[in-house]
């Protein structure tokens, strides 16, 4: 099955050797998004703004792939402080409706560019 590279100016440009997303058949693999503003490539200030920006970035890439966050089947969240997990839940509830995707939340020592949160995911877009 051929793969299609997904890219949008409404999410941050890749800061390494990866694509914003790769689509294979009905499945879209979203690369990790941190709280970078796609226009300025600067990090959002504070955990609340970073979480919001992460979901906005994921949403933009999902839409560029022809889907939406409603198509999420798996979401991985990485936090430098798991005490912020409730904030992720609050924000996620504004972007993703039930039935919720499978999810993992992992505490990590550090993230790129000093980010406090990162998330990636998998979409299945049914035609």
PDB file of N, CA and C in Angstrom:
ATOM      1  N   UNK A   1       0.840  -1.171   0.000  1.00  0.00           N
ATOM      2  CA  UNK A   1       0.000   0.000   0.000  1.00  0.00           C
ATOM      3  C   UNK A   1       0.894   1.246   0.000  1.00  0.00           C
ATOM      4  N   UNK A   2       0.619   2.189  -0.884  1.00  0.00           N
ATOM      5  CA  UNK A   2       1.467   3.393  -0.922  1.00  0.00           C
ATOM      6  C   UNK A   2       1.216   4.293   0.293  1.00  0.00           C
ATOM      7  N   UNK A   3       2.251   5.030   0.657  1.00  0.00           N
ATOM      8  CA  UNK A   3       2.100   5.977   1.756  1.00  0.00           C
ATOM      9  C   UNK A   3       2.077   7.386   1.208  1.00  0.00           C
ATOM     10  N   UNK A   4       1.321   8.235   1.880  1.00  0.00           N
ATOM     11  CA  UNK A   4       1.185   9.633   1.507  1.00  0.00           C
ATOM     12  C   UNK A   4       1.677  10.479   2.661  1.00  0.00           C
ATOM     13  N   UNK A   5       2.516  11.437   2.356  1.00  0.00           N
ATOM     14  CA  UNK A   5       3.016  12.352   3.378  1.00  0.00           C
ATOM     15  C   UNK A   5       2.009  13.485   3.534  1.00  0.00           C
ATOM     16  N   UNK A   6       1.646  13.775   4.774  1.00  0.00           N
ATOM     17  CA  UNK A   6       0.680  14.826   5.087  1.00  0.00           C
ATOM     18  C   UNK A   6       1.437  16.016   5.655  1.00  0.00           C
ATOM     19  N   UNK A   7       1.102  17.193   5.145  1.00  0.00           N
ATOM     20  CA  UNK A   7       1.772  18.407   5.608  1.00  0.00           C
ATOM     21  C   UNK A   7       0.790  19.568   5.558  1.00  0.00           C
ATOM     22  N   UNK A   8       0.893  20.447   6.540  1.00  0.00           N
ATOM     23  CA  UNK A   8       0.052  21.643   6.573  1.00  0.00           C
ATOM     24  C   UNK A   8       0.835  22.806   7.186  1.00  0.00           C
ATOM     25  N   UNK A   9       0.616  24.024   6.696  1.00  0.00           N
ATOM     26  CA  UNK A   9       1.239  25.189   7.322  1.00  0.00           C
ATOM     27  C   UNK A   9       0.551  25.582   8.625  1.00  0.00           C
ATOM     28  N   UNK A  10      -0.572  24.925   8.947  1.00  0.00           N
ATOM     29  CA  UNK A  10      -1.329  25.252  10.156  1.00  0.00           C
ATOM     30  C   UNK A  10      -0.856  24.472  11.382  1.00  0.00           C
ATOM     31  N   UNK A  11       0.220  23.711  11.214  1.00  0.00           N
ATOM     32  CA  UNK A  11       0.916  23.050  12.320  1.00  0.00           C
ATOM     33  C   UNK A  11       2.400  23.341  12.116  1.00  0.00           C
ATOM     34  N   UNK A  12       3.194  23.248  13.183  1.00  0.00           N
ATOM     35  CA  UNK A  12       4.613  23.563  13.053  1.00  0.00           C
ATOM     36  C   UNK A  12       5.313  22.677  12.012  1.00  0.00           C
ATOM     37  N   UNK A  13       6.209  23.281  11.274  1.00  0.00           N
ATOM     38  CA  UNK A  13       7.034  22.519  10.342  1.00  0.00           C
ATOM     39  C   UNK A  13       7.888  21.536  11.139  1.00  0.00           C
ATOM     40  N   UNK A  14       8.180  20.421  10.532  1.00  0.00           N
ATOM     41  CA  UNK A  14       9.015  19.414  11.192  1.00  0.00           C
ATOM     42  C   UNK A  14      10.355  20.034  11.591  1.00  0.00           C
ATOM     43  N   UNK A  15      10.801  19.727  12.814  1.00  0.00           N
ATOM     44  CA  UNK A  15      12.089  20.253  13.288  1.00  0.00           C
ATOM     45  C   UNK A  15      13.155  19.156  13.294  1.00  0.00           C
ATOM     46  N   UNK A  16      12.916  18.149  12.487  1.00  0.00           N
ATOM     47  CA  UNK A  16      13.855  17.038  12.399  1.00  0.00           C
ATOM     48  C   UNK A  16      13.559  16.201  11.169  1.00  0.00           C
ATOM     49  N   UNK A  17      14.037  14.990  11.193  1.00  0.00           N
ATOM     50  CA  UNK A  17      13.894  14.093  10.046  1.00  0.00           C
ATOM     51  C   UNK A  17      12.613  13.273  10.174  1.00  0.00           C
ATOM     52  N   UNK A  18      11.474  13.948  10.036  1.00  0.00           N
ATOM     53  CA  UNK A  18      10.169  13.287  10.100  1.00  0.00           C
ATOM     54  C   UNK A  18       9.152  14.114   9.341  1.00  0.00           C
ATOM     55  N   UNK A  19       7.982  13.534   9.128  1.00  0.00           N
ATOM     56  CA  UNK A  19       6.855  14.211   8.489  1.00  0.00           C
ATOM     57  C   UNK A  19       5.814  14.522   9.554  1.00  0.00           C
ATOM     58  N   UNK A  20       4.982  15.513   9.310  1.00  0.00           N
ATOM     59  CA  UNK A  20       3.910  15.821  10.256  1.00  0.00           C
ATOM     60  C   UNK A  20       2.989  14.618  10.431  1.00  0.00           C
ATOM     61  N   UNK A  21       2.748  13.902   9.348  1.00  0.00           N
ATOM     62  CA  UNK A  21       1.942  12.682   9.412  1.00  0.00           C
ATOM     63  C   UNK A  21       2.203  11.864   8.155  1.00  0.00           C
ATOM     64  N   UNK A  22       1.907  10.562   8.259  1.00  0.00           N
ATOM     65  CA  UNK A  22       2.006   9.655   7.121  1.00  0.00           C
ATOM     66  C   UNK A  22       0.694   8.882   7.064  1.00  0.00           C
ATOM     67  N   UNK A  23       0.096   8.863   5.871  1.00  0.00           N
ATOM     68  CA  UNK A  23      -1.168   8.152   5.663  1.00  0.00           C
ATOM     69  C   UNK A  23      -0.908   6.913   4.834  1.00  0.00           C
ATOM     70  N   UNK A  24      -1.405   5.777   5.326  1.00  0.00           N
ATOM     71  CA  UNK A  24      -1.310   4.508   4.612  1.00  0.00           C
ATOM     72  C   UNK A  24      -2.708   3.901   4.635  1.00  0.00           C
ATOM     73  N   UNK A  25      -3.357   3.838   3.490  1.00  0.00           N
ATOM     74  CA  UNK A  25      -4.729   3.354   3.446  1.00  0.00           C
ATOM     75  C   UNK A  25      -5.622   4.269   4.257  1.00  0.00           C
ATOM     76  N   UNK A  26      -6.400   3.682   5.171  1.00  0.00           N
ATOM     77  CA  UNK A  26      -7.307   4.448   6.026  1.00  0.00           C
ATOM     78  C   UNK A  26      -6.629   4.965   7.291  1.00  0.00           C
ATOM     79  N   UNK A  27      -5.368   4.621   7.494  1.00  0.00           N
ATOM     80  CA  UNK A  27      -4.677   4.924   8.749  1.00  0.00           C
ATOM     81  C   UNK A  27      -3.729   6.099   8.574  1.00  0.00           C
ATOM     82  N   UNK A  28      -3.784   7.013   9.537  1.00  0.00           N
ATOM     83  CA  UNK A  28      -2.903   8.182   9.544  1.00  0.00           C
ATOM     84  C   UNK A  28      -2.112   8.163  10.844  1.00  0.00           C
ATOM     85  N   UNK A  29      -0.800   8.212  10.723  1.00  0.00           N
ATOM     86  CA  UNK A  29       0.106   8.236  11.866  1.00  0.00           C
ATOM     87  C   UNK A  29       0.562   9.677  12.080  1.00  0.00           C
ATOM     88  N   UNK A  30       0.085  10.283  13.169  1.00  0.00           N
ATOM     89  CA  UNK A  30       0.423  11.672  13.486  1.00  0.00           C
ATOM     90  C   UNK A  30       1.714  11.718  14.281  1.00  0.00           C
ATOM     91  N   UNK A  31       2.670  12.498  13.802  1.00  0.00           N
ATOM     92  CA  UNK A  31       3.905  12.693  14.567  1.00  0.00           C
ATOM     93  C   UNK A  31       3.618  13.487  15.824  1.00  0.00           C
ATOM     94  N   UNK A  32       4.531  13.402  16.773  1.00  0.00           N
ATOM     95  CA  UNK A  32       4.383  14.140  18.020  1.00  0.00           C
ATOM     96  C   UNK A  32       4.320  15.632  17.779  1.00  0.00           C
ATOM     97  N   UNK A  33       3.430  16.276  18.497  1.00  0.00           N
ATOM     98  CA  UNK A  33       3.299  17.730  18.443  1.00  0.00           C
ATOM     99  C   UNK A  33       3.586  18.290  19.825  1.00  0.00           C
ATOM    100  N   UNK A  34       4.363  19.352  19.851  1.00  0.00           N
ATOM    101  CA  UNK A  34       4.614  20.094  21.076  1.00  0.00           C
ATOM    102  C   UNK A  34       3.929  21.451  20.937  1.00  0.00           C
ATOM    103  N   UNK A  35       4.065  22.293  21.926  1.00  0.00           N
ATOM    104  CA  UNK A  35       3.343  23.557  21.957  1.00  0.00           C
ATOM    105  C   UNK A  35       3.928  24.673  21.119  1.00  0.00           C
ATOM    106  N   UNK A  36       4.438  24.349  19.952  1.00  0.00           N
ATOM    107  CA  UNK A  36       4.989  25.374  19.057  1.00  0.00           C
ATOM    108  C   UNK A  36       3.886  26.042  18.250  1.00  0.00           C
ATOM    109  N   UNK A  37       3.936  27.353  18.165  1.00  0.00           N
ATOM    110  CA  UNK A  37       3.044  28.100  17.286  1.00  0.00           C
ATOM    111  C   UNK A  37       3.530  27.899  15.854  1.00  0.00           C
ATOM    112  N   UNK A  38       2.662  27.484  14.933  1.00  0.00           N
ATOM    113  CA  UNK A  38       3.124  27.197  13.576  1.00  0.00           C
ATOM    114  C   UNK A  38       3.582  28.431  12.797  1.00  0.00           C
ATOM    115  N   UNK A  39       3.108  29.601  13.182  1.00  0.00           N
ATOM    116  CA  UNK A  39       3.490  30.812  12.458  1.00  0.00           C
ATOM    117  C   UNK A  39       4.843  31.348  12.910  1.00  0.00           C
ATOM    118  N   UNK A  40       5.083  31.309  14.225  1.00  0.00           N
ATOM    119  CA  UNK A  40       6.302  31.909  14.763  1.00  0.00           C
ATOM    120  C   UNK A  40       7.357  30.883  15.166  1.00  0.00           C
ATOM    121  N   UNK A  41       6.929  29.602  15.275  1.00  0.00           N
ATOM    122  CA  UNK A  41       7.799  28.512  15.744  1.00  0.00           C
ATOM    123  C   UNK A  41       8.363  28.806  17.130  1.00  0.00           C
ATOM    124  N   UNK A  42       7.590  29.548  17.940  1.00  0.00           N
ATOM    125  CA  UNK A  42       7.958  29.776  19.331  1.00  0.00           C
ATOM    126  C   UNK A  42       7.038  28.954  20.223  1.00  0.00           C
ATOM    127  N   UNK A  43       7.544  28.591  21.394  1.00  0.00           N
ATOM    128  CA  UNK A  43       6.803  27.758  22.329  1.00  0.00           C
ATOM    129  C   UNK A  43       5.755  28.587  23.063  1.00  0.00           C
ATOM    130  N   UNK A  44       4.565  28.033  23.201  1.00  0.00           N
ATOM    131  CA  UNK A  44       3.516  28.672  23.999  1.00  0.00           C
ATOM    132  C   UNK A  44       3.995  28.777  25.443  1.00  0.00           C
ATOM    133  N   UNK A  45       3.537  29.792  26.140  1.00  0.00           N
ATOM    134  CA  UNK A  45       3.947  30.051  27.525  1.00  0.00           C
ATOM    135  C   UNK A  45       3.090  29.266  28.506  1.00  0.00           C
ATOM    136  N   UNK A  46       3.694  28.411  29.305  1.00  0.00           N
ATOM    137  CA  UNK A  46       2.984  27.713  30.363  1.00  0.00           C
ATOM    138  C   UNK A  46       2.300  26.432  29.909  1.00  0.00           C
ATOM    139  N   UNK A  47       1.973  25.606  30.875  1.00  0.00           N
ATOM    140  CA  UNK A  47       1.420  24.292  30.571  1.00  0.00           C
ATOM    141  C   UNK A  47       0.042  24.372  29.921  1.00  0.00           C
ATOM    142  N   UNK A  48      -0.837  25.250  30.397  1.00  0.00           N
ATOM    143  CA  UNK A  48      -2.174  25.338  29.819  1.00  0.00           C
ATOM    144  C   UNK A  48      -2.116  25.716  28.340  1.00  0.00           C
ATOM    145  N   UNK A  49      -1.340  26.727  28.020  1.00  0.00           N
ATOM    146  CA  UNK A  49      -1.218  27.167  26.628  1.00  0.00           C
ATOM    147  C   UNK A  49      -0.549  26.104  25.772  1.00  0.00           C
ATOM    148  N   UNK A  50       0.422  25.396  26.330  1.00  0.00           N
ATOM    149  CA  UNK A  50       1.087  24.340  25.561  1.00  0.00           C
ATOM    150  C   UNK A  50       0.138  23.182  25.261  1.00  0.00           C
ATOM    151  N   UNK A  51      -0.654  22.779  26.231  1.00  0.00           N
ATOM    152  CA  UNK A  51      -1.605  21.687  25.982  1.00  0.00           C
ATOM    153  C   UNK A  51      -2.590  22.095  24.892  1.00  0.00           C
ATOM    154  N   UNK A  52      -3.112  23.296  24.993  1.00  0.00           N
ATOM    155  CA  UNK A  52      -4.050  23.803  23.976  1.00  0.00           C
ATOM    156  C   UNK A  52      -3.403  23.804  22.598  1.00  0.00           C
ATOM    157  N   UNK A  53      -2.166  24.285  22.520  1.00  0.00           N
ATOM    158  CA  UNK A  53      -1.462  24.357  21.243  1.00  0.00           C
ATOM    159  C   UNK A  53      -1.207  22.963  20.679  1.00  0.00           C
ATOM    160  N   UNK A  54      -0.877  22.011  21.531  1.00  0.00           N
ATOM    161  CA  UNK A  54      -0.663  20.631  21.082  1.00  0.00           C
ATOM    162  C   UNK A  54      -1.922  20.105  20.398  1.00  0.00           C
ATOM    163  N   UNK A  55      -3.083  20.303  21.030  1.00  0.00           N
ATOM    164  CA  UNK A  55      -4.323  19.804  20.423  1.00  0.00           C
ATOM    165  C   UNK A  55      -4.684  20.577  19.161  1.00  0.00           C
ATOM    166  N   UNK A  56      -4.411  21.866  19.116  1.00  0.00           N
ATOM    167  CA  UNK A  56      -4.638  22.635  17.884  1.00  0.00           C
ATOM    168  C   UNK A  56      -3.746  22.112  16.750  1.00  0.00           C
ATOM    169  N   UNK A  57      -2.493  21.815  17.077  1.00  0.00           N
ATOM    170  CA  UNK A  57      -1.569  21.298  16.066  1.00  0.00           C
ATOM    171  C   UNK A  57      -2.009  19.923  15.569  1.00  0.00           C
ATOM    172  N   UNK A  58      -2.394  19.031  16.499  1.00  0.00           N
ATOM    173  CA  UNK A  58      -2.878  17.708  16.094  1.00  0.00           C
ATOM    174  C   UNK A  58      -4.125  17.838  15.222  1.00  0.00           C
ATOM    175  N   UNK A  59      -5.020  18.727  15.605  1.00  0.00           N
ATOM    176  CA  UNK A  59      -6.250  18.959  14.837  1.00  0.00           C
ATOM    177  C   UNK A  59      -5.924  19.420  13.413  1.00  0.00           C
ATOM    178  N   UNK A  60      -4.988  20.338  13.274  1.00  0.00           N
ATOM    179  CA  UNK A  60      -4.616  20.847  11.952  1.00  0.00           C
ATOM    180  C   UNK A  60      -4.059  19.741  11.061  1.00  0.00           C
ATOM    181  N   UNK A  61      -3.223  18.885  11.620  1.00  0.00           N
ATOM    182  CA  UNK A  61      -2.644  17.797  10.829  1.00  0.00           C
ATOM    183  C   UNK A  61      -3.720  16.767  10.484  1.00  0.00           C
ATOM    184  N   UNK A  62      -4.597  16.458  11.435  1.00  0.00           N
ATOM    185  CA  UNK A  62      -5.697  15.522  11.168  1.00  0.00           C
ATOM    186  C   UNK A  62      -6.562  16.038  10.024  1.00  0.00           C
ATOM    187  N   UNK A  63      -6.881  17.318  10.038  1.00  0.00           N
ATOM    188  CA  UNK A  63      -7.694  17.910   8.976  1.00  0.00           C
ATOM    189  C   UNK A  63      -6.958  17.906   7.641  1.00  0.00           C
ATOM    190  N   UNK A  64      -5.661  18.141   7.660  1.00  0.00           N
ATOM    191  CA  UNK A  64      -4.873  18.095   6.421  1.00  0.00           C
ATOM    192  C   UNK A  64      -4.860  16.690   5.831  1.00  0.00           C
ATOM    193  N   UNK A  65      -5.027  15.687   6.688  1.00  0.00           N
ATOM    194  CA  UNK A  65      -5.057  14.286   6.238  1.00  0.00           C
ATOM    195  C   UNK A  65      -6.446  13.873   5.756  1.00  0.00           C
ATOM    196  N   UNK A  66      -7.421  14.785   5.871  1.00  0.00           N
ATOM    197  CA  UNK A  66      -8.771  14.468   5.439  1.00  0.00           C
ATOM    198  C   UNK A  66      -9.663  13.937   6.545  1.00  0.00           C
ATOM    199  N   UNK A  67      -9.237  14.110   7.786  1.00  0.00           N
ATOM    200  CA  UNK A  67     -10.017  13.612   8.917  1.00  0.00           C
ATOM    201  C   UNK A  67     -10.190  14.669   9.973  1.00  0.00           C
ATOM    202  N   UNK A  68     -10.387  14.199  11.202  1.00  0.00           N
ATOM    203  CA  UNK A  68     -10.533  15.092  12.344  1.00  0.00           C
ATOM    204  C   UNK A  68     -10.100  14.335  13.593  1.00  0.00           C
ATOM    205  N   UNK A  69     -10.076  15.023  14.709  1.00  0.00           N
ATOM    206  CA  UNK A  69      -9.708  14.352  15.950  1.00  0.00           C
ATOM    207  C   UNK A  69     -10.761  13.328  16.375  1.00  0.00           C
ATOM    208  N   UNK A  70     -11.951  13.389  15.789  1.00  0.00           N
ATOM    209  CA  UNK A  70     -12.963  12.359  16.036  1.00  0.00           C
ATOM    210  C   UNK A  70     -12.524  11.012  15.472  1.00  0.00           C
ATOM    211  N   UNK A  71     -11.559  11.015  14.564  1.00  0.00           N
ATOM    212  CA  UNK A  71     -11.048   9.786  13.951  1.00  0.00           C
ATOM    213  C   UNK A  71      -9.901   9.166  14.751  1.00  0.00           C
ATOM    214  N   UNK A  72      -9.506   9.794  15.867  1.00  0.00           N
ATOM    215  CA  UNK A  72      -8.424   9.238  16.692  1.00  0.00           C
ATOM    216  C   UNK A  72      -8.811   7.871  17.241  1.00  0.00           C
ATOM    217  N   UNK A  73      -7.907   6.910  17.078  1.00  0.00           N
ATOM    218  CA  UNK A  73      -8.100   5.601  17.704  1.00  0.00           C
ATOM    219  C   UNK A  73      -7.060   5.372  18.795  1.00  0.00           C
ATOM    220  N   UNK A  74      -5.962   6.120  18.758  1.00  0.00           N
ATOM    221  CA  UNK A  74      -4.895   5.978  19.753  1.00  0.00           C
ATOM    222  C   UNK A  74      -4.231   7.331  19.941  1.00  0.00           C
ATOM    223  N   UNK A  75      -4.034   7.707  21.192  1.00  0.00           N
ATOM    224  CA  UNK A  75      -3.358   8.956  21.522  1.00  0.00           C
ATOM    225  C   UNK A  75      -2.312   8.656  22.584  1.00  0.00           C
ATOM    226  N   UNK A  76      -1.117   9.170  22.385  1.00  0.00           N
ATOM    227  CA  UNK A  76      -0.033   9.045  23.354  1.00  0.00           C
ATOM    228  C   UNK A  76       0.313  10.448  23.845  1.00  0.00           C
ATOM    229  N   UNK A  77       0.349  10.618  25.154  1.00  0.00           N
ATOM    230  CA  UNK A  77       0.658  11.911  25.757  1.00  0.00           C
ATOM    231  C   UNK A  77       1.910  11.750  26.601  1.00  0.00           C
ATOM    232  N   UNK A  78       2.839  12.671  26.434  1.00  0.00           N
ATOM    233  CA  UNK A  78       4.091  12.671  27.177  1.00  0.00           C
ATOM    234  C   UNK A  78       4.160  13.971  27.979  1.00  0.00           C
ATOM    235  N   UNK A  79       4.370  13.850  29.283  1.00  0.00           N
ATOM    236  CA  UNK A  79       4.407  15.006  30.165  1.00  0.00           C
ATOM    237  C   UNK A  79       5.687  15.007  30.988  1.00  0.00           C
ATOM    238  N   UNK A  80       6.279  16.184  31.156  1.00  0.00           N
ATOM    239  CA  UNK A  80       7.446  16.274  32.028  1.00  0.00           C
ATOM    240  C   UNK A  80       7.029  16.308  33.495  1.00  0.00           C
ATOM    241  N   UNK A  81       5.738  16.502  33.759  1.00  0.00           N
ATOM    242  CA  UNK A  81       5.213  16.461  35.124  1.00  0.00           C
ATOM    243  C   UNK A  81       3.808  15.860  35.067  1.00  0.00           C
ATOM    244  N   UNK A  82       3.658  14.641  35.563  1.00  0.00           N
ATOM    245  CA  UNK A  82       2.360  13.967  35.502  1.00  0.00           C
ATOM    246  C   UNK A  82       1.293  14.658  36.357  1.00  0.00           C
ATOM    247  N   UNK A  83       1.678  15.602  37.169  1.00  0.00           N
ATOM    248  CA  UNK A  83       0.698  16.389  37.926  1.00  0.00           C
ATOM    249  C   UNK A  83      -0.197  17.201  36.989  1.00  0.00           C
ATOM    250  N   UNK A  84       0.238  17.397  35.749  1.00  0.00           N
ATOM    251  CA  UNK A  84      -0.540  18.157  34.767  1.00  0.00           C
ATOM    252  C   UNK A  84      -1.522  17.278  33.990  1.00  0.00           C
ATOM    253  N   UNK A  85      -1.618  16.005  34.339  1.00  0.00           N
ATOM    254  CA  UNK A  85      -2.466  15.084  33.582  1.00  0.00           C
ATOM    255  C   UNK A  85      -3.933  15.511  33.594  1.00  0.00           C
ATOM    256  N   UNK A  86      -4.433  16.024  34.713  1.00  0.00           N
ATOM    257  CA  UNK A  86      -5.829  16.477  34.779  1.00  0.00           C
ATOM    258  C   UNK A  86      -6.076  17.608  33.784  1.00  0.00           C
ATOM    259  N   UNK A  87      -5.094  18.474  33.602  1.00  0.00           N
ATOM    260  CA  UNK A  87      -5.222  19.563  32.631  1.00  0.00           C
ATOM    261  C   UNK A  87      -5.320  19.004  31.209  1.00  0.00           C
ATOM    262  N   UNK A  88      -4.569  17.946  30.929  1.00  0.00           N
ATOM    263  CA  UNK A  88      -4.664  17.296  29.613  1.00  0.00           C
ATOM    264  C   UNK A  88      -6.079  16.764  29.423  1.00  0.00           C
ATOM    265  N   UNK A  89      -6.632  16.112  30.432  1.00  0.00           N
ATOM    266  CA  UNK A  89      -7.985  15.577  30.339  1.00  0.00           C
ATOM    267  C   UNK A  89      -9.007  16.671  30.061  1.00  0.00           C
ATOM    268  N   UNK A  90      -8.878  17.803  30.763  1.00  0.00           N
ATOM    269  CA  UNK A  90      -9.807  18.922  30.563  1.00  0.00           C
ATOM    270  C   UNK A  90      -9.752  19.438  29.134  1.00  0.00           C
ATOM    271  N   UNK A  91      -8.565  19.629  28.628  1.00  0.00           N
ATOM    272  CA  UNK A  91      -8.411  20.144  27.267  1.00  0.00           C
ATOM    273  C   UNK A  91      -8.846  19.103  26.246  1.00  0.00           C
ATOM    274  N   UNK A  92      -8.443  17.867  26.448  1.00  0.00           N
ATOM    275  CA  UNK A  92      -8.812  16.798  25.512  1.00  0.00           C
ATOM    276  C   UNK A  92     -10.323  16.702  25.364  1.00  0.00           C
ATOM    277  N   UNK A  93     -11.068  16.867  26.458  1.00  0.00           N
ATOM    278  CA  UNK A  93     -12.522  16.764  26.416  1.00  0.00           C
ATOM    279  C   UNK A  93     -13.152  17.827  25.515  1.00  0.00           C
ATOM    280  N   UNK A  94     -12.450  18.935  25.287  1.00  0.00           N
ATOM    281  CA  UNK A  94     -12.954  19.979  24.381  1.00  0.00           C
ATOM    282  C   UNK A  94     -12.659  19.654  22.920  1.00  0.00           C
ATOM    283  N   UNK A  95     -11.718  18.766  22.663  1.00  0.00           N
ATOM    284  CA  UNK A  95     -11.308  18.447  21.299  1.00  0.00           C
ATOM    285  C   UNK A  95     -11.773  17.072  20.817  1.00  0.00           C
ATOM    286  N   UNK A  96     -12.006  16.162  21.749  1.00  0.00           N
ATOM    287  CA  UNK A  96     -12.324  14.775  21.387  1.00  0.00           C
ATOM    288  C   UNK A  96     -13.566  14.349  22.156  1.00  0.00           C
ATOM    289  N   UNK A  97     -14.591  13.893  21.425  1.00  0.00           N
ATOM    290  CA  UNK A  97     -15.832  13.446  22.058  1.00  0.00           C
ATOM    291  C   UNK A  97     -15.818  11.933  22.254  1.00  0.00           C
ATOM    292  N   UNK A  98     -16.728  11.459  23.074  1.00  0.00           N
ATOM    293  CA  UNK A  98     -16.875  10.016  23.264  1.00  0.00           C
ATOM    294  C   UNK A  98     -17.409   9.389  21.985  1.00  0.00           C
ATOM    295  N   UNK A  99     -17.066   8.181  21.681  1.00  0.00           N
ATOM    296  CA  UNK A  99     -16.182   7.314  22.455  1.00  0.00           C
ATOM    297  C   UNK A  99     -14.727   7.759  22.283  1.00  0.00           C
ATOM    298  N   UNK A 100     -14.021   7.837  23.407  1.00  0.00           N
ATOM    299  CA  UNK A 100     -12.650   8.318  23.398  1.00  0.00           C
ATOM    300  C   UNK A 100     -11.710   7.276  22.802  1.00  0.00           C
ATOM    301  N   UNK A 101     -10.575   7.734  22.252  1.00  0.00           N
ATOM    302  CA  UNK A 101      -9.584   6.786  21.733  1.00  0.00           C
ATOM    303  C   UNK A 101      -8.850   6.080  22.871  1.00  0.00           C
ATOM    304  N   UNK A 102      -8.178   5.010  22.533  1.00  0.00           N
ATOM    305  CA  UNK A 102      -7.234   4.416  23.481  1.00  0.00           C
ATOM    306  C   UNK A 102      -6.160   5.468  23.743  1.00  0.00           C
ATOM    307  N   UNK A 103      -5.572   5.441  24.953  1.00  0.00           N
ATOM    308  CA  UNK A 103      -4.599   6.483  25.272  1.00  0.00           C
ATOM    309  C   UNK A 103      -3.563   5.970  26.261  1.00  0.00           C
ATOM    310  N   UNK A 104      -2.374   6.497  26.133  1.00  0.00           N
ATOM    311  CA  UNK A 104      -1.320   6.288  27.118  1.00  0.00           C
ATOM    312  C   UNK A 104      -0.851   7.668  27.570  1.00  0.00           C
ATOM    313  N   UNK A 105      -0.463   7.765  28.830  1.00  0.00           N
ATOM    314  CA  UNK A 105       0.135   8.980  29.367  1.00  0.00           C
ATOM    315  C   UNK A 105       1.428   8.576  30.049  1.00  0.00           C
ATOM    316  N   UNK A 106       2.505   9.210  29.642  1.00  0.00           N
ATOM    317  CA  UNK A 106       3.827   8.800  30.097  1.00  0.00           C
ATOM    318  C   UNK A 106       4.562  10.011  30.663  1.00  0.00           C
ATOM    319  N   UNK A 107       5.151   9.838  31.817  1.00  0.00           N
ATOM    320  CA  UNK A 107       6.011  10.866  32.385  1.00  0.00           C
ATOM    321  C   UNK A 107       7.410  10.722  31.815  1.00  0.00           C
ATOM    322  N   UNK A 108       7.974  11.826  31.365  1.00  0.00           N
ATOM    323  CA  UNK A 108       9.307  11.812  30.753  1.00  0.00           C
ATOM    324  C   UNK A 108      10.190  12.881  31.405  1.00  0.00           C
ATOM    325  N   UNK A 109      11.476  12.698  31.293  1.00  0.00           N
ATOM    326  CA  UNK A 109      12.431  13.636  31.871  1.00  0.00           C
ATOM    327  C   UNK A 109      12.450  14.967  31.115  1.00  0.00           C
ATOM    328  N   UNK A 110      12.446  14.884  29.780  1.00  0.00           N
ATOM    329  CA  UNK A 110      12.486  16.117  28.993  1.00  0.00           C
ATOM    330  C   UNK A 110      11.888  15.866  27.620  1.00  0.00           C
ATOM    331  N   UNK A 111      11.555  16.972  26.945  1.00  0.00           N
ATOM    332  CA  UNK A 111      10.977  16.934  25.600  1.00  0.00           C
ATOM    333  C   UNK A 111      11.695  17.965  24.728  1.00  0.00           C
ATOM    334  N   UNK A 112      11.562  17.854  23.403  1.00  0.00           N
ATOM    335  CA  UNK A 112      12.234  18.801  22.516  1.00  0.00           C
ATOM    336  C   UNK A 112      11.872  20.252  22.821  1.00  0.00           C
ATOM    337  N   UNK A 113      12.832  21.112  22.663  1.00  0.00           N
ATOM    338  CA  UNK A 113      12.668  22.557  22.820  1.00  0.00           C
ATOM    339  C   UNK A 113      12.183  22.975  24.215  1.00  0.00           C
ATOM    340  N   UNK A 114      12.387  22.115  25.194  1.00  0.00           N
ATOM    341  CA  UNK A 114      11.956  22.437  26.550  1.00  0.00           C
ATOM    342  C   UNK A 114      10.449  22.349  26.751  1.00  0.00           C
ATOM    343  N   UNK A 115       9.752  21.669  25.840  1.00  0.00           N
ATOM    344  CA  UNK A 115       8.297  21.530  25.944  1.00  0.00           C
ATOM    345  C   UNK A 115       7.930  20.818  27.239  1.00  0.00           C
ATOM    346  N   UNK A 116       6.733  21.111  27.729  1.00  0.00           N
ATOM    347  CA  UNK A 116       6.207  20.474  28.927  1.00  0.00           C
ATOM    348  C   UNK A 116       5.290  19.306  28.588  1.00  0.00           C
ATOM    349  N   UNK A 117       4.806  19.264  27.343  1.00  0.00           N
ATOM    350  CA  UNK A 117       3.872  18.230  26.899  1.00  0.00           C
ATOM    351  C   UNK A 117       4.072  17.966  25.410  1.00  0.00           C
ATOM    352  N   UNK A 118       3.863  16.721  25.028  1.00  0.00           N
ATOM    353  CA  UNK A 118       3.883  16.316  23.622  1.00  0.00           C
ATOM    354  C   UNK A 118       2.824  15.241  23.455  1.00  0.00           C
ATOM    355  N   UNK A 119       2.216  15.186  22.272  1.00  0.00           N
ATOM    356  CA  UNK A 119       1.246  14.128  21.998  1.00  0.00           C
ATOM    357  C   UNK A 119       1.357  13.724  20.540  1.00  0.00           C
ATOM    358  N   UNK A 120       1.164  12.421  20.306  1.00  0.00           N
ATOM    359  CA  UNK A 120       1.069  11.887  18.951  1.00  0.00           C
ATOM    360  C   UNK A 120      -0.148  10.979  18.912  1.00  0.00           C
ATOM    361  N   UNK A 121      -0.486  10.507  17.732  1.00  0.00           N
ATOM    362  CA  UNK A 121      -1.673   9.676  17.658  1.00  0.00           C
ATOM    363  C   UNK A 121      -1.798   8.933  16.355  1.00  0.00           C
ATOM    364  N   UNK A 122      -2.835   8.113  16.309  1.00  0.00           N
ATOM    365  CA  UNK A 122      -3.179   7.348  15.121  1.00  0.00           C
ATOM    366  C   UNK A 122      -4.649   7.598  14.824  1.00  0.00           C
ATOM    367  N   UNK A 123      -4.940   7.928  13.579  1.00  0.00           N
ATOM    368  CA  UNK A 123      -6.316   8.121  13.106  1.00  0.00           C
ATOM    369  C   UNK A 123      -6.680   6.961  12.179  1.00  0.00           C
ATOM    370  N   UNK A 124      -7.942   6.609  12.152  1.00  0.00           N
ATOM    371  CA  UNK A 124      -8.466   5.733  11.108  1.00  0.00           C
ATOM    372  C   UNK A 124      -9.613   6.508  10.469  1.00  0.00           C
ATOM    373  N   UNK A 125      -9.437   6.841   9.187  1.00  0.00           N
ATOM    374  CA  UNK A 125     -10.410   7.636   8.457  1.00  0.00           C
ATOM    375  C   UNK A 125     -11.144   6.696   7.510  1.00  0.00           C
ATOM    376  N   UNK A 126     -12.403   6.438   7.823  1.00  0.00           N
ATOM    377  CA  UNK A 126     -13.187   5.526   7.003  1.00  0.00           C
ATOM    378  C   UNK A 126     -13.828   6.311   5.857  1.00  0.00           C
ATOM    379  N   UNK A 127     -13.704   5.756   4.676  1.00  0.00           N
ATOM    380  CA  UNK A 127     -14.236   6.441   3.487  1.00  0.00           C
ATOM    381  C   UNK A 127     -15.742   6.320   3.404  1.00  0.00           C
TER     382      UNK A 127
END
